[in-house]
Amino acid sequence: MNLVIRKANPEDIHKNLPGILTIPTLSYIMKLASHEVGFIIAGGDPDPMKTRVKEMRTANGWTQQQLADLVHVSARTIISIEKEQYNPSLMLSYRMARVFRTTIEDLCCLKENKELEDRKYEGL
């Protein structure tokens, strides 16, 4: 599981934000003033998803930056997807599949990823 730390306004620390682990007493521990910034710690994607992004990008002779420009994200996003550190959103997967002229199922190895996930939950 990846751990993501992002800046938050002091008032956000007390909110129950979906998918965000908040620590209600953090502002008291850090003694945040209204102009100070705290941090929210959020869990990343627990299971990295295998994709064929790097394979398809290199087959087309594109750099990470070129692919990023085509799908309107940063090169860092493409790098993170290729390293299985970030799972692309449905919309980003759709954009990449269109650019590569393939399906989301093929690009994101959905059958293989489902089988891996199914094995993880066997016996529960």
Protein backbone atom coordinates (compact mmCIF):
# COMPACT_ATOMS: atom_id res chain seq x y z
CA MET A 1 0.00 0.00 0.00
CA ASN A 2 1.29 3.44 -0.91
CA LEU A 3 1.07 6.28 1.56
CA VAL A 4 0.20 9.70 0.29
CA ILE A 5 0.69 12.86 2.29
CA ARG A 6 -0.89 16.01 0.97
CA LYS A 7 -1.31 19.53 2.26
CA ALA A 8 -4.60 20.43 3.85
CA ASN A 9 -6.12 23.51 5.36
CA PRO A 10 -6.59 23.28 9.13
CA GLU A 11 -10.38 23.10 8.72
CA ASP A 12 -9.99 20.04 6.43
CA ILE A 13 -8.26 18.07 9.17
CA HIS A 14 -11.51 17.79 11.11
CA LYS A 15 -13.63 16.78 8.11
CA ASN A 16 -14.46 13.17 7.37
CA LEU A 17 -13.22 13.12 3.78
CA PRO A 18 -13.88 9.91 1.78
CA GLY A 19 -10.76 7.80 1.37
CA ILE A 20 -8.76 10.07 3.65
CA LEU A 21 -7.48 9.07 7.06
CA THR A 22 -7.86 12.11 9.25
CA ILE A 23 -6.54 12.56 12.73
CA PRO A 24 -8.96 14.80 14.63
CA THR A 25 -6.45 15.75 17.32
CA LEU A 26 -3.69 16.61 14.85
CA SER A 27 -4.48 20.30 14.91
CA TYR A 28 -4.23 20.31 18.70
CA ILE A 29 -0.97 18.41 18.72
CA MET A 30 0.53 20.72 16.10
CA LYS A 31 -1.23 23.81 17.52
CA LEU A 32 -2.21 24.99 14.06
CA ALA A 33 -3.19 28.59 13.67
CA SER A 34 -5.77 29.51 11.04
CA HIS A 35 -3.08 30.52 8.55
CA GLU A 36 -0.94 27.40 9.03
CA VAL A 37 -1.14 24.31 6.90
CA GLY A 38 -1.42 20.76 8.19
CA PHE A 39 -1.16 17.46 6.38
CA ILE A 40 -3.69 14.76 5.63
CA ILE A 41 -2.40 11.22 5.38
CA ALA A 42 -4.23 9.10 2.84
CA GLY A 43 -3.81 5.50 1.84
CA GLY A 44 -2.94 4.95 -1.80
CA ASP A 45 -4.19 2.15 -3.98
CA PRO A 46 -3.73 -1.04 -1.95
CA ASP A 47 -3.20 -3.29 -4.97
CA PRO A 48 -1.24 -1.97 -7.93
CA MET A 49 -2.83 -2.80 -11.25
CA LYS A 50 -0.77 -4.33 -14.02
CA THR A 51 -1.15 -2.46 -17.31
CA ARG A 52 0.36 -2.64 -20.77
CA VAL A 53 0.98 1.13 -20.92
CA LYS A 54 4.78 0.92 -21.16
CA GLU A 55 4.61 -1.92 -23.70
CA MET A 56 2.17 -0.03 -25.92
CA ARG A 57 3.93 3.32 -25.50
CA THR A 58 7.31 1.92 -26.52
CA ALA A 59 5.74 -0.03 -29.41
CA ASN A 60 4.51 3.33 -30.73
CA GLY A 61 7.95 4.90 -30.22
CA TRP A 62 6.59 7.55 -27.83
CA THR A 63 8.28 9.07 -24.84
CA GLN A 64 6.45 9.26 -21.53
CA GLN A 65 6.04 12.99 -22.08
CA GLN A 66 4.54 12.48 -25.55
CA LEU A 67 1.96 10.02 -24.19
CA ALA A 68 1.24 12.34 -21.27
CA ASP A 69 0.56 15.21 -23.67
CA LEU A 70 -1.80 13.05 -25.73
CA VAL A 71 -3.91 12.09 -22.70
CA HIS A 72 -3.63 15.40 -20.80
CA VAL A 73 -1.66 14.31 -17.74
CA SER A 74 1.89 14.85 -16.48
CA ALA A 75 4.80 12.64 -17.45
CA ARG A 76 5.05 11.80 -13.73
CA THR A 77 1.58 10.22 -13.93
CA ILE A 78 2.67 8.01 -16.85
CA ILE A 79 5.86 7.05 -14.98
CA SER A 80 3.83 6.12 -11.89
CA ILE A 81 1.39 4.01 -13.92
CA GLU A 82 4.25 2.19 -15.65
CA LYS A 83 5.92 1.47 -12.28
CA GLU A 84 2.57 0.21 -10.90
CA GLN A 85 2.65 2.94 -8.25
CA TYR A 86 -0.61 4.51 -9.43
CA ASN A 87 -3.80 3.02 -10.82
CA PRO A 88 -5.19 5.15 -13.64
CA SER A 89 -8.74 6.47 -13.33
CA LEU A 90 -11.41 5.08 -15.60
CA MET A 91 -11.32 8.25 -17.72
CA LEU A 92 -7.53 8.18 -18.06
CA SER A 93 -7.68 4.47 -18.95
CA TYR A 94 -10.28 5.30 -21.60
CA ARG A 95 -8.12 8.10 -23.04
CA MET A 96 -5.05 5.88 -23.21
CA ALA A 97 -7.02 3.00 -24.75
CA ARG A 98 -8.29 5.35 -27.48
CA VAL A 99 -4.77 6.66 -28.17
CA PHE A 100 -3.44 3.09 -28.40
CA ARG A 101 -6.48 1.94 -30.44
CA THR A 102 -7.27 -0.85 -28.02
CA THR A 103 -9.79 -1.64 -25.31
CA ILE A 104 -9.57 -0.74 -21.64
CA GLU A 105 -9.77 -4.47 -20.90
CA ASP A 106 -6.63 -5.12 -22.94
CA LEU A 107 -4.72 -2.01 -21.82
CA CYS A 108 -5.41 -2.61 -18.13
CA CYS A 109 -5.08 -6.42 -18.23
CA LEU A 110 -8.47 -6.64 -16.54
CA LYS A 111 -8.82 -10.43 -16.83
CA GLU A 112 -5.38 -11.00 -15.30
CA ASN A 113 -5.91 -8.39 -12.58
CA LYS A 114 -9.32 -9.88 -11.70
CA GLU A 115 -7.78 -13.35 -11.37
CA LEU A 116 -5.07 -11.96 -9.07
CA GLU A 117 -7.68 -10.21 -6.95
CA ASP A 118 -9.90 -13.31 -6.85
CA ARG A 119 -6.96 -15.37 -5.54
CA LYS A 120 -6.35 -12.77 -2.86
CA TYR A 121 -9.90 -13.20 -1.53
CA GLU A 122 -10.08 -17.00 -1.73
CA GLY A 123 -10.82 -18.57 1.61
CA LEU A 124 -12.13 -15.42 3.27
